[in-house]
Amino acid sequence: MARERAGLHYSGRVLRVGMGNFFARNINRTGRIVRAVWGIALIVAGILLSGRSGWACIFLVAFGVFALYEAARGWCLMRACGIKTKL
């Protein structure tokens, strides 16, 4: 039983170290501002389309919230995956 706990504790430590690098800040102030504006634009577009298509509203608002998260965190998913972006 003690060995199982030690193994789980070790794997949790490895996961934290590996994911810590993945979620490290990787965009500057300009990129954060662009993502914040993009997130607000997506949310507004989603709200404006809410009367026409519920699915479009849900997706646009969800992506807008995610863009705001990226801006607040200073982290870009595409850059974390190794894709180079301009901003």
PDB file of N, CA and C in Angstrom:
ATOM      1  N   MET A   1       0.828  -1.190   0.000  1.00  0.00           N
ATOM      2  CA  MET A   1       0.000   0.000   0.000  1.00  0.00           C
ATOM      3  C   MET A   1       0.876   1.258   0.000  1.00  0.00           C
ATOM      4  N   ALA A   2       1.935   1.235   0.767  1.00  0.00           N
ATOM      5  CA  ALA A   2       2.819   2.396   0.825  1.00  0.00           C
ATOM      6  C   ALA A   2       3.515   2.616  -0.517  1.00  0.00           C
ATOM      7  N   ARG A   3       3.852   1.521  -1.199  1.00  0.00           N
ATOM      8  CA  ARG A   3       4.500   1.651  -2.509  1.00  0.00           C
ATOM      9  C   ARG A   3       3.560   2.274  -3.532  1.00  0.00           C
ATOM     10  N   GLU A   4       2.278   1.905  -3.467  1.00  0.00           N
ATOM     11  CA  GLU A   4       1.306   2.472  -4.391  1.00  0.00           C
ATOM     12  C   GLU A   4       1.189   3.974  -4.188  1.00  0.00           C
ATOM     13  N   ARG A   5       1.170   4.396  -2.952  1.00  0.00           N
ATOM     14  CA  ARG A   5       1.077   5.832  -2.663  1.00  0.00           C
ATOM     15  C   ARG A   5       2.329   6.558  -3.147  1.00  0.00           C
ATOM     16  N   ALA A   6       3.466   5.953  -2.932  1.00  0.00           N
ATOM     17  CA  ALA A   6       4.711   6.578  -3.374  1.00  0.00           C
ATOM     18  C   ALA A   6       4.729   6.717  -4.888  1.00  0.00           C
ATOM     19  N   GLY A   7       4.231   5.714  -5.596  1.00  0.00           N
ATOM     20  CA  GLY A   7       4.170   5.785  -7.053  1.00  0.00           C
ATOM     21  C   GLY A   7       3.228   6.871  -7.526  1.00  0.00           C
ATOM     22  N   LEU A   8       2.086   6.990  -6.872  1.00  0.00           N
ATOM     23  CA  LEU A   8       1.137   8.030  -7.246  1.00  0.00           C
ATOM     24  C   LEU A   8       1.696   9.412  -6.943  1.00  0.00           C
ATOM     25  N   HIS A   9       2.396   9.526  -5.834  1.00  0.00           N
ATOM     26  CA  HIS A   9       2.995  10.812  -5.480  1.00  0.00           C
ATOM     27  C   HIS A   9       4.061  11.198  -6.489  1.00  0.00           C
ATOM     28  N   TYR A  10       4.856  10.250  -6.920  1.00  0.00           N
ATOM     29  CA  TYR A  10       5.911  10.512  -7.893  1.00  0.00           C
ATOM     30  C   TYR A  10       5.318  10.924  -9.238  1.00  0.00           C
ATOM     31  N   SER A  11       4.282  10.208  -9.688  1.00  0.00           N
ATOM     32  CA  SER A  11       3.689  10.540 -10.979  1.00  0.00           C
ATOM     33  C   SER A  11       3.041  11.919 -10.939  1.00  0.00           C
ATOM     34  N   GLY A  12       2.478  12.299  -9.813  1.00  0.00           N
ATOM     35  CA  GLY A  12       1.904  13.641  -9.682  1.00  0.00           C
ATOM     36  C   GLY A  12       2.973  14.715  -9.780  1.00  0.00           C
ATOM     37  N   ARG A  13       4.147  14.444  -9.224  1.00  0.00           N
ATOM     38  CA  ARG A  13       5.249  15.401  -9.287  1.00  0.00           C
ATOM     39  C   ARG A  13       5.740  15.554 -10.725  1.00  0.00           C
ATOM     40  N   VAL A  14       5.848  14.456 -11.444  1.00  0.00           N
ATOM     41  CA  VAL A  14       6.277  14.507 -12.843  1.00  0.00           C
ATOM     42  C   VAL A  14       5.250  15.264 -13.673  1.00  0.00           C
ATOM     43  N   LEU A  15       3.986  15.027 -13.425  1.00  0.00           N
ATOM     44  CA  LEU A  15       2.927  15.717 -14.159  1.00  0.00           C
ATOM     45  C   LEU A  15       2.988  17.216 -13.902  1.00  0.00           C
ATOM     46  N   ARG A  16       3.209  17.623 -12.658  1.00  0.00           N
ATOM     47  CA  ARG A  16       3.298  19.042 -12.335  1.00  0.00           C
ATOM     48  C   ARG A  16       4.475  19.706 -13.023  1.00  0.00           C
ATOM     49  N   VAL A  17       5.611  19.049 -13.065  1.00  0.00           N
ATOM     50  CA  VAL A  17       6.800  19.623 -13.701  1.00  0.00           C
ATOM     51  C   VAL A  17       6.581  19.743 -15.201  1.00  0.00           C
ATOM     52  N   GLY A  18       6.086  18.702 -15.842  1.00  0.00           N
ATOM     53  CA  GLY A  18       5.860  18.730 -17.284  1.00  0.00           C
ATOM     54  C   GLY A  18       4.798  19.731 -17.680  1.00  0.00           C
ATOM     55  N   MET A  19       3.696  19.772 -16.973  1.00  0.00           N
ATOM     56  CA  MET A  19       2.623  20.689 -17.302  1.00  0.00           C
ATOM     57  C   MET A  19       2.966  22.120 -16.904  1.00  0.00           C
ATOM     58  N   GLY A  20       3.852  22.289 -15.932  1.00  0.00           N
ATOM     59  CA  GLY A  20       4.287  23.628 -15.552  1.00  0.00           C
ATOM     60  C   GLY A  20       4.978  24.328 -16.700  1.00  0.00           C
ATOM     61  N   ASN A  21       5.772  23.595 -17.464  1.00  0.00           N
ATOM     62  CA  ASN A  21       6.419  24.183 -18.636  1.00  0.00           C
ATOM     63  C   ASN A  21       5.412  24.472 -19.731  1.00  0.00           C
ATOM     64  N   PHE A  22       4.403  23.637 -19.864  1.00  0.00           N
ATOM     65  CA  PHE A  22       3.388  23.820 -20.899  1.00  0.00           C
ATOM     66  C   PHE A  22       2.566  25.077 -20.632  1.00  0.00           C
ATOM     67  N   PHE A  23       2.263  25.343 -19.367  1.00  0.00           N
ATOM     68  CA  PHE A  23       1.430  26.487 -19.008  1.00  0.00           C
ATOM     69  C   PHE A  23       2.235  27.729 -18.623  1.00  0.00           C
ATOM     70  N   ALA A  24       3.524  27.763 -18.937  1.00  0.00           N
ATOM     71  CA  ALA A  24       4.342  28.931 -18.640  1.00  0.00           C
ATOM     72  C   ALA A  24       3.933  30.093 -19.536  1.00  0.00           C
ATOM     73  N   ARG A  25       4.114  31.306 -19.049  1.00  0.00           N
ATOM     74  CA  ARG A  25       3.786  32.489 -19.851  1.00  0.00           C
ATOM     75  C   ARG A  25       4.624  32.495 -21.117  1.00  0.00           C
ATOM     76  N   ASN A  26       3.949  32.773 -22.246  1.00  0.00           N
ATOM     77  CA  ASN A  26       4.682  32.730 -23.507  1.00  0.00           C
ATOM     78  C   ASN A  26       4.280  33.833 -24.484  1.00  0.00           C
ATOM     79  N   ILE A  27       3.532  34.841 -24.022  1.00  0.00           N
ATOM     80  CA  ILE A  27       3.213  35.984 -24.882  1.00  0.00           C
ATOM     81  C   ILE A  27       3.494  37.275 -24.119  1.00  0.00           C
ATOM     82  N   ASN A  28       3.786  38.328 -24.878  1.00  0.00           N
ATOM     83  CA  ASN A  28       4.099  39.611 -24.258  1.00  0.00           C
ATOM     84  C   ASN A  28       2.841  40.463 -24.134  1.00  0.00           C
ATOM     85  N   ARG A  29       3.025  41.718 -23.759  1.00  0.00           N
ATOM     86  CA  ARG A  29       1.891  42.607 -23.513  1.00  0.00           C
ATOM     87  C   ARG A  29       1.056  42.827 -24.774  1.00  0.00           C
ATOM     88  N   THR A  30       1.710  43.008 -25.908  1.00  0.00           N
ATOM     89  CA  THR A  30       0.982  43.216 -27.162  1.00  0.00           C
ATOM     90  C   THR A  30       0.099  42.015 -27.482  1.00  0.00           C
ATOM     91  N   GLY A  31       0.627  40.829 -27.338  1.00  0.00           N
ATOM     92  CA  GLY A  31      -0.153  39.625 -27.592  1.00  0.00           C
ATOM     93  C   GLY A  31      -1.326  39.491 -26.640  1.00  0.00           C
ATOM     94  N   ARG A  32      -1.124  39.899 -25.405  1.00  0.00           N
ATOM     95  CA  ARG A  32      -2.211  39.837 -24.431  1.00  0.00           C
ATOM     96  C   ARG A  32      -3.330  40.807 -24.788  1.00  0.00           C
ATOM     97  N   ILE A  33      -2.958  42.004 -25.236  1.00  0.00           N
ATOM     98  CA  ILE A  33      -3.971  42.992 -25.622  1.00  0.00           C
ATOM     99  C   ILE A  33      -4.752  42.507 -26.831  1.00  0.00           C
ATOM    100  N   VAL A  34      -4.045  41.965 -27.828  1.00  0.00           N
ATOM    101  CA  VAL A  34      -4.713  41.448 -29.025  1.00  0.00           C
ATOM    102  C   VAL A  34      -5.681  40.332 -28.655  1.00  0.00           C
ATOM    103  N   ARG A  35      -5.284  39.433 -27.784  1.00  0.00           N
ATOM    104  CA  ARG A  35      -6.164  38.336 -27.388  1.00  0.00           C
ATOM    105  C   ARG A  35      -7.364  38.828 -26.589  1.00  0.00           C
ATOM    106  N   ALA A  36      -7.171  39.854 -25.770  1.00  0.00           N
ATOM    107  CA  ALA A  36      -8.290  40.414 -25.005  1.00  0.00           C
ATOM    108  C   ALA A  36      -9.308  41.058 -25.941  1.00  0.00           C
ATOM    109  N   VAL A  37      -8.839  41.829 -26.914  1.00  0.00           N
ATOM    110  CA  VAL A  37      -9.747  42.460 -27.879  1.00  0.00           C
ATOM    111  C   VAL A  37     -10.471  41.392 -28.692  1.00  0.00           C
ATOM    112  N   TRP A  38      -9.731  40.374 -29.118  1.00  0.00           N
ATOM    113  CA  TRP A  38     -10.317  39.270 -29.882  1.00  0.00           C
ATOM    114  C   TRP A  38     -11.384  38.545 -29.046  1.00  0.00           C
ATOM    115  N   GLY A  39     -11.104  38.324 -27.780  1.00  0.00           N
ATOM    116  CA  GLY A  39     -12.060  37.648 -26.907  1.00  0.00           C
ATOM    117  C   GLY A  39     -13.332  38.458 -26.733  1.00  0.00           C
ATOM    118  N   ILE A  40     -13.195  39.757 -26.541  1.00  0.00           N
ATOM    119  CA  ILE A  40     -14.373  40.613 -26.395  1.00  0.00           C
ATOM    120  C   ILE A  40     -15.178  40.632 -27.688  1.00  0.00           C
ATOM    121  N   ALA A  41     -14.494  40.703 -28.833  1.00  0.00           N
ATOM    122  CA  ALA A  41     -15.182  40.701 -30.130  1.00  0.00           C
ATOM    123  C   ALA A  41     -15.953  39.402 -30.336  1.00  0.00           C
ATOM    124  N   LEU A  42     -15.365  38.269 -29.963  1.00  0.00           N
ATOM    125  CA  LEU A  42     -16.064  36.989 -30.103  1.00  0.00           C
ATOM    126  C   LEU A  42     -17.289  36.902 -29.203  1.00  0.00           C
ATOM    127  N   ILE A  43     -17.167  37.400 -27.995  1.00  0.00           N
ATOM    128  CA  ILE A  43     -18.299  37.365 -27.075  1.00  0.00           C
ATOM    129  C   ILE A  43     -19.428  38.254 -27.585  1.00  0.00           C
ATOM    130  N   VAL A  44     -19.097  39.456 -28.062  1.00  0.00           N
ATOM    131  CA  VAL A  44     -20.115  40.358 -28.609  1.00  0.00           C
ATOM    132  C   VAL A  44     -20.785  39.719 -29.826  1.00  0.00           C
ATOM    133  N   ALA A  45     -19.980  39.117 -30.720  1.00  0.00           N
ATOM    134  CA  ALA A  45     -20.548  38.455 -31.894  1.00  0.00           C
ATOM    135  C   ALA A  45     -21.465  37.304 -31.479  1.00  0.00           C
ATOM    136  N   GLY A  46     -21.074  36.556 -30.468  1.00  0.00           N
ATOM    137  CA  GLY A  46     -21.908  35.461 -29.986  1.00  0.00           C
ATOM    138  C   GLY A  46     -23.230  35.950 -29.421  1.00  0.00           C
ATOM    139  N   ILE A  47     -23.183  37.053 -28.695  1.00  0.00           N
ATOM    140  CA  ILE A  47     -24.413  37.604 -28.132  1.00  0.00           C
ATOM    141  C   ILE A  47     -25.317  38.126 -29.246  1.00  0.00           C
ATOM    142  N   LEU A  48     -24.734  38.775 -30.247  1.00  0.00           N
ATOM    143  CA  LEU A  48     -25.529  39.287 -31.362  1.00  0.00           C
ATOM    144  C   LEU A  48     -26.169  38.158 -32.171  1.00  0.00           C
ATOM    145  N   LEU A  49     -25.519  37.011 -32.250  1.00  0.00           N
ATOM    146  CA  LEU A  49     -26.057  35.873 -33.006  1.00  0.00           C
ATOM    147  C   LEU A  49     -26.946  34.947 -32.166  1.00  0.00           C
ATOM    148  N   SER A  50     -27.174  35.300 -30.921  1.00  0.00           N
ATOM    149  CA  SER A  50     -27.931  34.402 -30.046  1.00  0.00           C
ATOM    150  C   SER A  50     -29.359  34.181 -30.534  1.00  0.00           C
ATOM    151  N   GLY A  51     -29.958  35.156 -31.202  1.00  0.00           N
ATOM    152  CA  GLY A  51     -31.314  34.996 -31.698  1.00  0.00           C
ATOM    153  C   GLY A  51     -31.401  34.105 -32.922  1.00  0.00           C
ATOM    154  N   ARG A  52     -30.338  33.999 -33.673  1.00  0.00           N
ATOM    155  CA  ARG A  52     -30.349  33.216 -34.917  1.00  0.00           C
ATOM    156  C   ARG A  52     -29.903  31.776 -34.719  1.00  0.00           C
ATOM    157  N   SER A  53     -28.813  31.592 -33.996  1.00  0.00           N
ATOM    158  CA  SER A  53     -28.263  30.246 -33.841  1.00  0.00           C
ATOM    159  C   SER A  53     -27.705  30.072 -32.435  1.00  0.00           C
ATOM    160  N   GLY A  54     -28.318  29.178 -31.710  1.00  0.00           N
ATOM    161  CA  GLY A  54     -27.855  28.906 -30.354  1.00  0.00           C
ATOM    162  C   GLY A  54     -26.464  28.294 -30.329  1.00  0.00           C
ATOM    163  N   TRP A  55     -26.188  27.387 -31.283  1.00  0.00           N
ATOM    164  CA  TRP A  55     -24.866  26.744 -31.326  1.00  0.00           C
ATOM    165  C   TRP A  55     -23.769  27.743 -31.638  1.00  0.00           C
ATOM    166  N   ALA A  56     -24.013  28.633 -32.584  1.00  0.00           N
ATOM    167  CA  ALA A  56     -23.010  29.646 -32.918  1.00  0.00           C
ATOM    168  C   ALA A  56     -22.747  30.539 -31.712  1.00  0.00           C
ATOM    169  N   CYS A  57     -23.797  30.876 -31.005  1.00  0.00           N
ATOM    170  CA  CYS A  57     -23.657  31.697 -29.797  1.00  0.00           C
ATOM    171  C   CYS A  57     -22.781  30.998 -28.765  1.00  0.00           C
ATOM    172  N   ILE A  58     -23.060  29.732 -28.517  1.00  0.00           N
ATOM    173  CA  ILE A  58     -22.302  28.973 -27.517  1.00  0.00           C
ATOM    174  C   ILE A  58     -20.831  28.884 -27.897  1.00  0.00           C
ATOM    175  N   PHE A  59     -20.551  28.546 -29.161  1.00  0.00           N
ATOM    176  CA  PHE A  59     -19.159  28.401 -29.590  1.00  0.00           C
ATOM    177  C   PHE A  59     -18.414  29.733 -29.561  1.00  0.00           C
ATOM    178  N   LEU A  60     -19.035  30.791 -30.057  1.00  0.00           N
ATOM    179  CA  LEU A  60     -18.364  32.084 -30.071  1.00  0.00           C
ATOM    180  C   LEU A  60     -18.086  32.589 -28.657  1.00  0.00           C
ATOM    181  N   VAL A  61     -19.049  32.455 -27.780  1.00  0.00           N
ATOM    182  CA  VAL A  61     -18.847  32.903 -26.403  1.00  0.00           C
ATOM    183  C   VAL A  61     -17.777  32.045 -25.713  1.00  0.00           C
ATOM    184  N   ALA A  62     -17.801  30.739 -25.952  1.00  0.00           N
ATOM    185  CA  ALA A  62     -16.792  29.857 -25.335  1.00  0.00           C
ATOM    186  C   ALA A  62     -15.388  30.208 -25.823  1.00  0.00           C
ATOM    187  N   PHE A  63     -15.233  30.405 -27.126  1.00  0.00           N
ATOM    188  CA  PHE A  63     -13.913  30.782 -27.654  1.00  0.00           C
ATOM    189  C   PHE A  63     -13.508  32.165 -27.174  1.00  0.00           C
ATOM    190  N   GLY A  64     -14.466  33.061 -27.016  1.00  0.00           N
ATOM    191  CA  GLY A  64     -14.173  34.391 -26.490  1.00  0.00           C
ATOM    192  C   GLY A  64     -13.680  34.339 -25.054  1.00  0.00           C
ATOM    193  N   VAL A  65     -14.328  33.516 -24.250  1.00  0.00           N
ATOM    194  CA  VAL A  65     -13.897  33.360 -22.853  1.00  0.00           C
ATOM    195  C   VAL A  65     -12.499  32.741 -22.804  1.00  0.00           C
ATOM    196  N   PHE A  66     -12.231  31.772 -23.688  1.00  0.00           N
ATOM    197  CA  PHE A  66     -10.903  31.165 -23.720  1.00  0.00           C
ATOM    198  C   PHE A  66      -9.842  32.190 -24.136  1.00  0.00           C
ATOM    199  N   ALA A  67     -10.164  33.045 -25.099  1.00  0.00           N
ATOM    200  CA  ALA A  67      -9.217  34.092 -25.518  1.00  0.00           C
ATOM    201  C   ALA A  67      -8.960  35.064 -24.365  1.00  0.00           C
ATOM    202  N   LEU A  68      -9.988  35.387 -23.597  1.00  0.00           N
ATOM    203  CA  LEU A  68      -9.791  36.247 -22.425  1.00  0.00           C
ATOM    204  C   LEU A  68      -8.931  35.551 -21.371  1.00  0.00           C
ATOM    205  N   TYR A  69      -9.101  34.242 -21.226  1.00  0.00           N
ATOM    206  CA  TYR A  69      -8.253  33.477 -20.306  1.00  0.00           C
ATOM    207  C   TYR A  69      -6.787  33.549 -20.751  1.00  0.00           C
ATOM    208  N   GLU A  70      -6.559  33.362 -22.063  1.00  0.00           N
ATOM    209  CA  GLU A  70      -5.192  33.457 -22.581  1.00  0.00           C
ATOM    210  C   GLU A  70      -4.603  34.837 -22.308  1.00  0.00           C
ATOM    211  N   ALA A  71      -5.407  35.874 -22.498  1.00  0.00           N
ATOM    212  CA  ALA A  71      -4.923  37.238 -22.262  1.00  0.00           C
ATOM    213  C   ALA A  71      -4.603  37.460 -20.785  1.00  0.00           C
ATOM    214  N   ALA A  72      -5.476  37.005 -19.911  1.00  0.00           N
ATOM    215  CA  ALA A  72      -5.269  37.196 -18.475  1.00  0.00           C
ATOM    216  C   ALA A  72      -4.066  36.398 -17.974  1.00  0.00           C
ATOM    217  N   ARG A  73      -3.881  35.216 -18.508  1.00  0.00           N
ATOM    218  CA  ARG A  73      -2.805  34.324 -18.062  1.00  0.00           C
ATOM    219  C   ARG A  73      -1.476  34.640 -18.728  1.00  0.00           C
ATOM    220  N   GLY A  74      -1.518  35.284 -19.904  1.00  0.00           N
ATOM    221  CA  GLY A  74      -0.283  35.541 -20.645  1.00  0.00           C
ATOM    222  C   GLY A  74       0.237  34.283 -21.307  1.00  0.00           C
ATOM    223  N   TRP A  75      -0.686  33.437 -21.692  1.00  0.00           N
ATOM    224  CA  TRP A  75      -0.350  32.116 -22.223  1.00  0.00           C
ATOM    225  C   TRP A  75      -1.121  31.878 -23.506  1.00  0.00           C
ATOM    226  N   CYS A  76      -0.473  31.321 -24.509  1.00  0.00           N
ATOM    227  CA  CYS A  76      -1.124  31.024 -25.787  1.00  0.00           C
ATOM    228  C   CYS A  76      -1.044  29.525 -26.033  1.00  0.00           C
ATOM    229  N   LEU A  77      -2.184  28.908 -26.311  1.00  0.00           N
ATOM    230  CA  LEU A  77      -2.236  27.469 -26.549  1.00  0.00           C
ATOM    231  C   LEU A  77      -1.394  27.081 -27.760  1.00  0.00           C
ATOM    232  N   MET A  78      -1.508  27.841 -28.832  1.00  0.00           N
ATOM    233  CA  MET A  78      -0.763  27.499 -30.051  1.00  0.00           C
ATOM    234  C   MET A  78       0.745  27.568 -29.808  1.00  0.00           C
ATOM    235  N   ARG A  79       1.191  28.602 -29.099  1.00  0.00           N
ATOM    236  CA  ARG A  79       2.624  28.706 -28.798  1.00  0.00           C
ATOM    237  C   ARG A  79       3.083  27.596 -27.863  1.00  0.00           C
ATOM    238  N   ALA A  80       2.227  27.216 -26.934  1.00  0.00           N
ATOM    239  CA  ALA A  80       2.579  26.134 -26.017  1.00  0.00           C
ATOM    240  C   ALA A  80       2.739  24.813 -26.769  1.00  0.00           C
ATOM    241  N   CYS A  81       2.018  24.672 -27.884  1.00  0.00           N
ATOM    242  CA  CYS A  81       2.120  23.459 -28.705  1.00  0.00           C
ATOM    243  C   CYS A  81       3.260  23.542 -29.704  1.00  0.00           C
ATOM    244  N   GLY A  82       3.992  24.653 -29.745  1.00  0.00           N
ATOM    245  CA  GLY A  82       5.152  24.774 -30.615  1.00  0.00           C
ATOM    246  C   GLY A  82       4.904  25.503 -31.916  1.00  0.00           C
ATOM    247  N   ILE A  83       3.702  26.031 -32.117  1.00  0.00           N
ATOM    248  CA  ILE A  83       3.395  26.771 -33.331  1.00  0.00           C
ATOM    249  C   ILE A  83       3.777  28.235 -33.116  1.00  0.00           C
ATOM    250  N   LYS A  84       4.556  28.789 -34.004  1.00  0.00           N
ATOM    251  CA  LYS A  84       4.993  30.172 -33.882  1.00  0.00           C
ATOM    252  C   LYS A  84       3.897  31.111 -34.380  1.00  0.00           C
ATOM    253  N   THR A  85       3.565  32.119 -33.571  1.00  0.00           N
ATOM    254  CA  THR A  85       2.579  33.121 -33.955  1.00  0.00           C
ATOM    255  C   THR A  85       3.249  34.485 -34.000  1.00  0.00           C
ATOM    256  N   LYS A  86       2.666  35.412 -34.744  1.00  0.00           N
ATOM    257  CA  LYS A  86       3.261  36.742 -34.880  1.00  0.00           C
ATOM    258  C   LYS A  86       3.117  37.559 -33.623  1.00  0.00           C
ATOM    259  N   LEU A  87       2.004  37.427 -32.908  1.00  0.00           N
ATOM    260  CA  LEU A  87       1.767  38.247 -31.701  1.00  0.00           C
ATOM    261  C   LEU A  87       1.734  37.389 -30.465  1.00  0.00           C
TER     262      LEU A  87
END
